[in-house]
Amino acid sequence: MIYLVGSNLKFEGVKTLVLNEIKFNKFSVNLAEFDALVLTSKNSVNALKFNQISPAGLQIYSIGEGTSRAAREFGFAQIYTAKNAHGNDFAAEIASLLNGKKTLFLRARETASSVGEILRESGVNLTQIIAYENVFKPLEKEQKPPKNSAIIFTAPSAVRNFTRNFGWDESYKAVAIGLTTAKELGNFTAPAVSSEQNINSCVSLAKTLL
C-alpha cells in the first residue's frame, strides 16, 4: 500500500494521511512598498488571502510551479519560477536577482531550509514575516500504515509529524519529494528521492518500490 503524508491531494491507489493543519497568522503589509516578494509555498499566498491583502505589481520569486500557479491565480503577473526547487539552492539562485530590490519574504514559523539567512548574507534588503505555521494534528494509532508500505513525504514537517504519531517500522519504504525532506528521513532510513519535486513523480516512484 502507498501512503501520502504532508498533502491532502487524492490519488488512485494512495491513502492520504493528514497529520497537520496550516494555521495562518494575522499580519498587515502594503505590498506596493516592496519591489519583490519571495514565495516558498502556496501557503504564503493563502496567508495573503486570509489577511485580505490585495496583490500588487511587484516581482514574484517562486520556488516551484505549484506556488507560481497559486500566485498567478491570486492576481500576481510578474512571476519568476526557480530552476531549483530545493530551499537553499532556490535562495542561492535568486540572491543576485534581488540585488537592489526591497524584498519581502512570507515564510513559515519553522523551516527546514535557510532561505532568509542566505538572502540576508548575500546582501539582500529583506523583510521577513512569519505568515503561517504547521500545527501537528494527531491520528488514531489504527491508521498506522502496515509493514512494507511505501510512504511518500512531501516536507520535513511531514516526516516529524509521522514519526511523532506512529514511530517508524524498518520495513517501510520511504519516498522523499526533495533533498531537504530526504535529509530529515536520513536520520533513520535511506529514502528514495523523487527526480522531480511534485507529488505525481513521488507516486510513480513509490509504485516501483512495492
Protein backbone atom coordinates (compact mmCIF):
# COMPACT_ATOMS: atom_id res chain seq x y z
CA MET A 1 0.00 0.00 0.00
CA ILE A 2 1.15 3.55 -0.74
CA TYR A 3 0.61 6.33 1.78
CA LEU A 4 0.96 10.09 1.25
CA VAL A 5 1.93 12.31 4.19
CA GLY A 6 2.00 16.11 4.14
CA SER A 7 -0.58 16.75 1.43
CA ASN A 8 -4.35 16.39 1.20
CA LEU A 9 -4.30 15.58 -2.52
CA LYS A 10 -6.02 12.38 -3.62
CA PHE A 11 -4.52 9.75 -5.93
CA GLU A 12 -5.90 6.40 -7.04
CA GLY A 13 -4.36 3.59 -5.00
CA VAL A 14 -2.83 6.04 -2.50
CA LYS A 15 -4.08 6.62 1.05
CA THR A 16 -3.63 10.16 2.37
CA LEU A 17 -2.64 10.74 5.99
CA VAL A 18 -3.21 14.33 7.13
CA LEU A 19 -1.10 14.88 10.25
CA ASN A 20 -1.02 18.65 10.21
CA GLU A 21 -3.08 21.73 9.65
CA ILE A 22 -1.94 25.15 8.50
CA LYS A 23 -2.60 28.00 10.90
CA PHE A 24 -2.43 31.44 9.28
CA ASN A 25 -1.11 34.35 11.33
CA LYS A 26 -2.67 37.79 11.32
CA PHE A 27 -0.48 40.49 9.79
CA SER A 28 -0.77 43.59 7.64
CA VAL A 29 1.60 44.70 4.91
CA ASN A 30 1.44 47.05 1.95
CA LEU A 31 2.88 45.03 -0.93
CA ALA A 32 3.22 48.19 -3.02
CA GLU A 33 6.08 49.26 -0.71
CA PHE A 34 8.21 46.34 -1.96
CA ASP A 35 9.92 45.55 -5.26
CA ALA A 36 9.96 41.77 -4.84
CA LEU A 37 8.15 39.00 -2.97
CA VAL A 38 9.77 35.63 -2.24
CA LEU A 39 7.41 32.65 -2.01
CA THR A 40 8.45 29.15 -0.94
CA SER A 41 4.91 27.78 -0.57
CA LYS A 42 1.37 28.37 -1.77
CA ASN A 43 0.57 28.74 1.95
CA SER A 44 2.18 32.19 1.74
CA VAL A 45 -0.30 33.16 -0.97
CA ASN A 46 -3.16 31.75 1.11
CA ALA A 47 -1.91 33.82 4.07
CA LEU A 48 -2.34 36.96 1.95
CA LYS A 49 -5.91 35.88 1.19
CA PHE A 50 -6.54 35.15 4.87
CA ASN A 51 -5.45 38.68 5.79
CA GLN A 52 -7.38 40.23 2.87
CA ILE A 53 -4.21 41.75 1.40
CA SER A 54 -4.55 42.70 -2.27
CA PRO A 55 -1.94 41.75 -4.87
CA ALA A 56 0.35 44.47 -6.21
CA GLY A 57 2.59 44.84 -9.25
CA LEU A 58 5.78 43.61 -7.61
CA GLN A 59 8.05 40.86 -8.97
CA ILE A 60 7.38 37.39 -7.56
CA TYR A 61 10.20 34.87 -7.00
CA SER A 62 8.60 31.45 -6.61
CA ILE A 63 10.19 28.16 -5.59
CA GLY A 64 8.11 25.98 -7.91
CA GLU A 65 5.30 25.68 -10.42
CA GLY A 66 2.64 24.89 -7.80
CA THR A 67 3.47 28.06 -5.89
CA SER A 68 3.65 30.06 -9.13
CA ARG A 69 0.20 28.80 -10.12
CA ALA A 70 -1.24 29.91 -6.76
CA ALA A 71 0.41 33.34 -7.17
CA ARG A 72 -0.97 33.70 -10.69
CA GLU A 73 -4.50 32.76 -9.57
CA PHE A 74 -4.25 35.29 -6.74
CA GLY A 75 -3.54 38.08 -9.22
CA PHE A 76 0.23 38.42 -9.47
CA ALA A 77 1.50 38.84 -13.04
CA GLN A 78 5.32 39.10 -12.89
CA ILE A 79 6.41 35.66 -11.69
CA TYR A 80 9.87 34.11 -11.83
CA THR A 81 9.78 30.35 -11.22
CA ALA A 82 13.06 28.99 -9.92
CA LYS A 83 15.05 26.33 -11.71
CA ASN A 84 15.99 24.88 -8.29
CA ALA A 85 13.07 23.70 -6.15
CA HIS A 86 15.26 22.91 -3.12
CA GLY A 87 15.16 25.64 -0.47
CA ASN A 88 18.81 26.61 -0.11
CA ASP A 89 19.53 26.20 -3.84
CA PHE A 90 16.50 28.39 -4.57
CA ALA A 91 17.88 31.12 -2.30
CA ALA A 92 21.31 30.94 -3.95
CA GLU A 93 19.70 31.14 -7.39
CA ILE A 94 17.62 34.26 -6.73
CA ALA A 95 20.03 36.17 -4.46
CA SER A 96 21.74 38.06 -7.31
CA LEU A 97 18.35 38.75 -8.96
CA LEU A 98 17.22 40.52 -5.78
CA ASN A 99 20.22 42.84 -5.71
CA GLY A 100 18.98 46.41 -5.15
CA LYS A 101 15.37 45.31 -4.63
CA LYS A 102 13.40 45.90 -1.44
CA THR A 103 12.28 42.34 -0.80
CA LEU A 104 9.56 40.70 1.30
CA PHE A 105 9.69 37.04 2.33
CA LEU A 106 6.48 35.46 3.65
CA ARG A 107 7.59 32.33 5.48
CA ALA A 108 6.56 29.56 7.84
CA ARG A 109 7.39 29.74 11.55
CA GLU A 110 9.62 26.68 11.25
CA THR A 111 11.59 25.99 8.08
CA ALA A 112 13.98 23.20 7.18
CA SER A 113 15.98 25.39 4.79
CA SER A 114 17.78 28.69 5.35
CA VAL A 115 16.30 30.87 2.61
CA GLY A 116 16.07 34.03 4.73
CA GLU A 117 19.58 33.66 6.15
CA ILE A 118 21.14 33.02 2.74
CA LEU A 119 19.42 36.06 1.20
CA ARG A 120 20.47 38.30 4.10
CA GLU A 121 24.07 37.07 3.94
CA SER A 122 24.02 37.84 0.21
CA GLY A 123 23.20 41.47 0.99
CA VAL A 124 19.51 41.40 0.05
CA ASN A 125 17.38 44.15 1.62
CA LEU A 126 14.99 41.66 3.22
CA THR A 127 11.90 41.91 5.41
CA GLN A 128 10.60 38.61 6.77
CA ILE A 129 7.06 37.97 8.04
CA ILE A 130 6.01 34.71 9.67
CA ALA A 131 2.81 34.22 7.69
CA TYR A 132 1.77 30.74 8.79
CA GLU A 133 2.71 27.73 10.86
CA ASN A 134 2.38 24.00 10.59
CA VAL A 135 0.42 22.57 13.56
CA PHE A 136 0.58 18.88 14.48
CA LYS A 137 -2.76 17.07 14.17
CA PRO A 138 -2.59 13.54 15.64
CA LEU A 139 -4.30 10.50 14.11
CA GLU A 140 -5.57 7.32 15.76
CA LYS A 141 -3.00 4.52 16.05
CA GLU A 142 -5.34 2.30 13.99
CA GLN A 143 -4.41 4.39 10.95
CA LYS A 144 -0.74 3.43 11.16
CA PRO A 145 0.46 2.00 7.82
CA PRO A 146 1.05 -1.77 7.83
CA LYS A 147 4.50 -3.28 7.38
CA ASN A 148 6.16 -2.95 3.94
CA SER A 149 4.13 0.13 2.98
CA ALA A 150 5.64 2.77 0.71
CA ILE A 151 5.28 6.17 2.36
CA ILE A 152 5.63 9.47 0.49
CA PHE A 153 6.76 12.51 2.46
CA THR A 154 6.25 15.98 0.97
CA ALA A 155 8.07 18.05 3.61
CA PRO A 156 10.41 17.66 6.59
CA SER A 157 7.49 18.56 8.88
CA ALA A 158 5.55 15.61 7.41
CA VAL A 159 8.40 13.31 8.47
CA ARG A 160 8.44 14.72 12.00
CA ASN A 161 4.66 14.55 12.37
CA PHE A 162 4.51 10.96 11.08
CA THR A 163 7.23 9.64 13.38
CA ARG A 164 5.80 11.56 16.34
CA ASN A 165 2.43 9.91 15.74
CA PHE A 166 3.36 6.41 14.54
CA GLY A 167 7.09 5.91 15.05
CA TRP A 168 8.95 4.11 12.25
CA ASP A 169 8.93 0.49 11.11
CA GLU A 170 12.12 -0.77 9.43
CA SER A 171 10.05 -2.48 6.72
CA TYR A 172 8.68 0.86 5.46
CA LYS A 173 9.96 2.20 2.14
CA ALA A 174 10.27 5.99 2.21
CA VAL A 175 9.96 8.38 -0.73
CA ALA A 176 11.10 11.99 -0.31
CA ILE A 177 9.86 14.79 -2.56
CA GLY A 178 13.22 16.58 -2.35
CA LEU A 179 16.64 16.75 -0.71
CA THR A 180 15.57 18.64 2.42
CA THR A 181 12.90 16.06 3.17
CA ALA A 182 15.38 13.27 2.37
CA LYS A 183 17.82 14.73 4.90
CA GLU A 184 15.14 14.56 7.61
CA LEU A 185 14.40 10.93 6.70
CA GLY A 186 18.11 10.15 6.61
CA ASN A 187 18.19 10.19 10.41
CA PHE A 188 16.60 6.72 10.45
CA THR A 189 16.22 5.34 6.89
CA ALA A 190 17.60 5.61 3.34
CA PRO A 191 14.80 7.19 1.28
CA ALA A 192 14.27 7.14 -2.46
CA VAL A 193 14.28 10.74 -3.73
CA SER A 194 11.95 11.88 -6.49
CA SER A 195 13.70 13.25 -9.58
CA GLU A 196 11.04 15.97 -9.84
CA GLN A 197 9.63 17.99 -6.95
CA ASN A 198 5.99 17.10 -7.46
CA ILE A 199 3.69 14.51 -5.93
CA ASN A 200 2.87 12.76 -9.22
CA SER A 201 6.54 11.85 -9.61
CA CYS A 202 6.64 10.66 -6.00
CA VAL A 203 3.64 8.39 -6.56
CA SER A 204 5.24 6.90 -9.69
CA LEU A 205 8.44 6.26 -7.75
CA ALA A 206 6.57 4.71 -4.81
CA LYS A 207 4.85 2.24 -7.15
CA THR A 208 8.25 0.90 -8.22
CA LEU A 209 9.13 0.11 -4.60
CA LEU A 210 6.24 -2.27 -3.92
